[in-house]
Protein backbone atom coordinates (compact mmCIF):
# COMPACT_ATOMS: atom_id res chain seq x y z
CA MET A 1 60.50 76.02 103.16
CA LYS A 2 58.76 79.37 103.09
CA PRO A 3 60.27 82.26 101.14
CA LYS A 4 61.65 85.08 103.24
CA ARG A 5 59.64 88.24 103.26
CA THR A 6 61.44 91.49 102.81
CA LYS A 7 60.17 94.68 104.28
CA VAL A 8 59.50 97.33 101.67
CA VAL A 9 60.72 100.72 102.86
CA ALA A 10 59.48 103.81 101.05
CA PRO A 11 62.13 106.39 100.15
CA PRO A 12 61.93 109.67 102.09
CA ALA A 13 59.61 112.25 100.59
CA PRO A 14 61.40 115.00 98.65
CA PRO A 15 61.47 118.37 100.42
CA ASP A 16 58.88 120.89 99.30
CA ILE A 17 59.86 123.82 97.11
CA ALA A 18 57.95 127.05 97.61
CA ALA A 19 56.21 128.44 94.53
CA SER A 20 58.17 131.70 94.70
CA ASP A 21 61.47 129.78 94.91
CA ARG A 22 60.46 127.59 91.99
CA ASP A 23 59.58 130.65 89.88
CA ALA A 24 62.90 132.33 90.73
CA LEU A 25 64.85 129.16 89.89
CA ILE A 26 63.03 128.70 86.58
CA ALA A 27 63.66 132.33 85.63
CA ALA A 28 67.38 131.95 86.47
CA TYR A 29 67.54 128.75 84.42
CA LYS A 30 65.84 130.36 81.42
CA ALA A 31 68.22 133.34 81.68
CA ARG A 32 71.12 130.81 81.66
CA VAL A 33 72.38 132.02 85.02
CA ILE A 34 72.22 128.46 86.43
CA THR A 35 72.25 125.12 84.63
CA ALA A 36 70.46 123.00 87.25
CA TRP A 37 69.17 122.96 90.80
CA LYS A 38 68.19 120.41 93.39
CA ARG A 39 66.55 120.84 96.80
CA ASP A 40 68.64 119.36 99.59
CA ALA A 41 66.80 118.83 102.88
CA GLU A 42 69.78 119.68 105.09
CA ARG A 43 71.63 122.34 103.07
CA GLY A 44 68.95 124.19 101.10
CA TYR A 45 69.41 124.34 97.32
CA ARG A 46 72.29 122.93 95.30
CA LEU A 47 72.80 125.16 92.26
CA SER A 48 74.92 124.14 89.27
CA ILE A 49 76.65 126.92 87.37
CA THR A 50 78.69 126.38 84.21
CA GLY A 51 82.43 126.38 84.85
CA ARG A 52 82.10 126.45 88.65
CA PRO A 53 81.63 123.85 91.38
CA ASP A 54 78.10 123.45 92.73
CA ASP A 55 77.01 126.00 95.33
CA TYR A 56 74.79 125.25 98.30
CA VAL A 57 72.45 128.12 99.19
CA GLU A 58 70.20 128.38 102.23
CA VAL A 59 66.49 128.61 101.43
CA ALA A 60 66.16 132.04 103.06
CA LYS A 61 69.07 133.45 101.02
CA LEU A 62 68.06 132.09 97.59
CA ALA A 63 66.50 135.27 96.16
CA LYS A 64 69.49 137.48 97.03
CA TYR A 65 71.93 134.88 95.73
CA LEU A 66 70.14 134.62 92.38
CA GLU A 67 70.00 138.43 92.07
CA LYS A 68 73.75 138.60 92.72
CA LEU A 69 74.40 135.91 90.09
CA ALA A 70 72.21 137.66 87.52
CA GLY A 71 74.01 140.95 88.15
CA SER A 72 77.44 139.42 87.57
CA ALA A 73 76.39 137.49 84.44
C-alpha cells in the first residue's frame, strides 16, 4: 500500500500595511492610545483599546480615527 499524499496549501498572504499607517499605529501604541492592532483584509484595521471592545476602522479613515482617540485621551 502506498501512503496517501496530502496537498500542502499555503496560508493566504497577510494584507500589506502602508508605511504611513504603520508609523501612525506605532506612534499611537507608544502614546498608549491603543494597546494592539491587526490588519484585517475585509474590514481594515482592528484596534484594541483598554477597557473597550475592539474597533474596526477602514483603512482610509485610520488617521482621523487615531487623531480623535489621541484628543480624547
